[in-house]
C-alpha cells in the first residue's frame, strides 16, 4: 500500500508546526488517518466505516452500550 502525499491537518489543530493533531489523506479506495506526532503509524479504512464512526461520535452514541 502506498502512503499518500496529500495529508491535511484537522481544522481543530491550531496553527503552526509542532501542534499535536490528526491528519487525513485519501486515495482512490481508502482514507488514511495519522497523528502528527507519530506519522509512521497510519489507520487505513474506507469512507463508509469512517462515516459511520463520525456519525456515532457526533450523536454521542459511542458512550452507550
N, C-alpha and C. Protein backbone atom coordinates (compact mmCIF):
# COMPACT_ATOMS: atom_id res chain seq x y z
N UNK A 1 0.84 -1.18 0.00
CA UNK A 1 0.00 0.00 0.00
C UNK A 1 0.88 1.24 0.00
N UNK A 2 0.53 2.20 -0.80
CA UNK A 2 1.30 3.42 -0.92
C UNK A 2 0.83 4.46 0.09
N UNK A 3 1.77 5.17 0.68
CA UNK A 3 1.43 6.26 1.58
C UNK A 3 1.11 7.50 0.76
N UNK A 4 -0.04 8.11 0.99
CA UNK A 4 -0.40 9.30 0.22
C UNK A 4 0.48 10.50 0.58
N UNK A 5 0.52 11.46 -0.31
CA UNK A 5 1.31 12.67 -0.05
C UNK A 5 0.44 13.91 0.08
N UNK A 6 -0.87 13.74 0.22
CA UNK A 6 -1.79 14.88 0.30
C UNK A 6 -2.42 14.99 1.69
N UNK A 7 -1.60 14.92 2.74
CA UNK A 7 -2.10 14.98 4.11
C UNK A 7 -2.65 16.36 4.43
N UNK A 8 -3.76 16.40 5.18
CA UNK A 8 -4.37 17.65 5.61
C UNK A 8 -4.55 17.59 7.12
N UNK A 9 -4.25 18.72 7.79
CA UNK A 9 -4.43 18.81 9.24
C UNK A 9 -5.89 19.08 9.57
N UNK A 10 -6.29 18.64 10.73
CA UNK A 10 -7.61 18.94 11.24
C UNK A 10 -7.74 20.44 11.48
N UNK A 11 -8.91 20.98 11.22
CA UNK A 11 -9.13 22.42 11.45
C UNK A 11 -9.16 22.73 12.95
N UNK A 12 -9.26 21.73 13.81
CA UNK A 12 -9.26 21.93 15.25
C UNK A 12 -7.85 21.92 15.83
N UNK A 13 -6.83 21.83 14.99
CA UNK A 13 -5.45 21.64 15.45
C UNK A 13 -4.71 22.90 15.82
N UNK A 14 -5.21 24.03 15.54
CA UNK A 14 -4.45 25.24 15.80
C UNK A 14 -3.35 25.39 14.77
N UNK A 15 -2.86 26.57 14.61
CA UNK A 15 -1.85 26.83 13.58
C UNK A 15 -0.45 26.51 14.04
N UNK A 16 0.45 26.47 13.12
CA UNK A 16 1.86 26.29 13.43
C UNK A 16 2.31 24.86 13.45
N UNK A 17 3.59 24.68 13.34
CA UNK A 17 4.18 23.35 13.40
C UNK A 17 4.32 22.91 14.84
N UNK A 18 4.38 21.62 15.04
CA UNK A 18 4.59 21.08 16.37
C UNK A 18 3.33 20.85 17.16
N UNK A 19 2.18 21.28 16.66
CA UNK A 19 0.94 21.03 17.37
C UNK A 19 0.49 19.60 17.11
N UNK A 20 0.14 18.90 18.17
CA UNK A 20 -0.38 17.54 18.02
C UNK A 20 -1.73 17.62 17.32
N UNK A 21 -1.88 16.86 16.26
CA UNK A 21 -3.14 16.93 15.53
C UNK A 21 -3.38 15.65 14.75
N UNK A 22 -4.58 15.52 14.28
CA UNK A 22 -4.96 14.42 13.41
C UNK A 22 -4.81 14.90 11.98
N UNK A 23 -4.20 14.06 11.14
CA UNK A 23 -4.06 14.38 9.72
C UNK A 23 -4.79 13.31 8.92
N UNK A 24 -5.36 13.73 7.80
CA UNK A 24 -6.15 12.84 6.97
C UNK A 24 -5.69 12.97 5.53
N UNK A 25 -5.68 11.86 4.82
CA UNK A 25 -5.39 11.86 3.38
C UNK A 25 -6.26 10.79 2.74
N UNK A 26 -6.56 10.98 1.47
CA UNK A 26 -7.38 9.98 0.79
C UNK A 26 -6.70 9.53 -0.49
N UNK A 27 -6.93 8.29 -0.81
CA UNK A 27 -6.51 7.72 -2.08
C UNK A 27 -7.78 7.26 -2.78
N UNK A 28 -7.63 6.65 -3.90
CA UNK A 28 -8.81 6.25 -4.67
C UNK A 28 -9.75 5.34 -3.89
N UNK A 29 -9.19 4.42 -3.11
CA UNK A 29 -10.02 3.42 -2.43
C UNK A 29 -9.98 3.49 -0.91
N UNK A 30 -9.22 4.40 -0.33
CA UNK A 30 -9.04 4.37 1.12
C UNK A 30 -8.91 5.77 1.71
N UNK A 31 -9.14 5.82 3.02
CA UNK A 31 -8.92 7.03 3.80
C UNK A 31 -7.84 6.69 4.81
N UNK A 32 -6.82 7.54 4.91
CA UNK A 32 -5.68 7.33 5.80
C UNK A 32 -5.74 8.39 6.90
N UNK A 33 -5.55 7.95 8.14
CA UNK A 33 -5.50 8.87 9.27
C UNK A 33 -4.22 8.62 10.04
N UNK A 34 -3.66 9.68 10.58
CA UNK A 34 -2.45 9.55 11.41
C UNK A 34 -2.40 10.71 12.38
N UNK A 35 -1.61 10.56 13.42
CA UNK A 35 -1.36 11.64 14.37
C UNK A 35 -0.04 12.28 13.98
N UNK A 36 0.03 13.59 14.03
CA UNK A 36 1.24 14.28 13.57
C UNK A 36 2.47 13.92 14.39
N UNK A 37 2.29 13.52 15.65
CA UNK A 37 3.43 13.15 16.50
C UNK A 37 4.06 11.83 16.06
N UNK A 38 3.28 10.94 15.46
CA UNK A 38 3.79 9.64 15.02
C UNK A 38 3.28 9.36 13.60
N UNK A 39 3.80 10.08 12.62
CA UNK A 39 3.28 9.95 11.26
C UNK A 39 3.55 8.60 10.59
N UNK A 40 4.43 7.80 11.16
CA UNK A 40 4.70 6.50 10.55
C UNK A 40 3.60 5.48 10.85
N UNK A 41 2.73 5.77 11.81
CA UNK A 41 1.62 4.88 12.15
C UNK A 41 0.35 5.44 11.54
N UNK A 42 -0.26 4.65 10.67
CA UNK A 42 -1.48 5.09 9.98
C UNK A 42 -2.62 4.13 10.24
N UNK A 43 -3.81 4.69 10.30
CA UNK A 43 -5.04 3.92 10.32
C UNK A 43 -5.61 4.05 8.92
N UNK A 44 -5.90 2.92 8.28
CA UNK A 44 -6.42 2.94 6.92
C UNK A 44 -7.79 2.28 6.92
N UNK A 45 -8.76 2.97 6.34
CA UNK A 45 -10.11 2.45 6.27
C UNK A 45 -10.74 2.91 4.95
N UNK A 46 -12.00 2.62 4.78
CA UNK A 46 -12.73 3.08 3.62
C UNK A 46 -13.71 4.16 4.07
N UNK A 47 -14.25 4.94 3.16
CA UNK A 47 -15.13 6.05 3.55
C UNK A 47 -16.38 5.64 4.35
N UNK A 48 -17.00 4.52 4.03
CA UNK A 48 -18.25 4.14 4.71
C UNK A 48 -18.06 3.88 6.20
N UNK A 49 -17.13 3.04 6.63
CA UNK A 49 -16.95 2.85 8.08
C UNK A 49 -16.53 4.14 8.80
N UNK A 50 -15.72 4.95 8.17
CA UNK A 50 -15.31 6.22 8.78
C UNK A 50 -16.52 7.14 8.95
N UNK A 51 -17.37 7.18 7.97
CA UNK A 51 -18.60 7.98 8.05
C UNK A 51 -19.49 7.51 9.20
N UNK A 52 -19.62 6.19 9.35
CA UNK A 52 -20.42 5.65 10.45
C UNK A 52 -19.81 6.01 11.81
N UNK A 53 -18.49 5.92 11.92
CA UNK A 53 -17.81 6.27 13.17
C UNK A 53 -18.03 7.74 13.50
N UNK A 54 -17.84 8.62 12.53
CA UNK A 54 -18.02 10.05 12.77
C UNK A 54 -19.46 10.37 13.15
N UNK A 55 -20.42 9.72 12.53
CA UNK A 55 -21.83 9.92 12.88
C UNK A 55 -22.08 9.53 14.34
N UNK A 56 -21.54 8.38 14.75
CA UNK A 56 -21.73 7.93 16.14
C UNK A 56 -21.05 8.87 17.13
N UNK A 57 -19.88 9.39 16.77
CA UNK A 57 -19.19 10.34 17.66
C UNK A 57 -20.03 11.60 17.80
N UNK A 58 -20.50 12.15 16.69
CA UNK A 58 -21.29 13.38 16.72
C UNK A 58 -22.61 13.22 17.48
N UNK A 59 -23.21 12.05 17.38
CA UNK A 59 -24.51 11.84 18.03
C UNK A 59 -24.37 11.45 19.50
N UNK A 60 -23.15 11.19 19.95
CA UNK A 60 -22.92 10.80 21.34
C UNK A 60 -23.20 9.34 21.61
N UNK A 61 -23.41 8.55 20.54
CA UNK A 61 -23.78 7.14 20.70
C UNK A 61 -22.60 6.25 21.07
N UNK A 62 -21.38 6.72 20.95
CA UNK A 62 -20.24 5.85 21.26
C UNK A 62 -20.17 5.46 22.72
N UNK A 63 -20.60 6.33 23.61
CA UNK A 63 -20.54 6.04 25.03
C UNK A 63 -21.62 5.10 25.50
N UNK A 64 -22.63 4.86 24.68
CA UNK A 64 -23.74 4.00 25.06
C UNK A 64 -23.46 2.56 24.67
N UNK A 65 -23.90 1.65 25.51
CA UNK A 65 -23.72 0.23 25.20
C UNK A 65 -25.07 -0.40 24.94
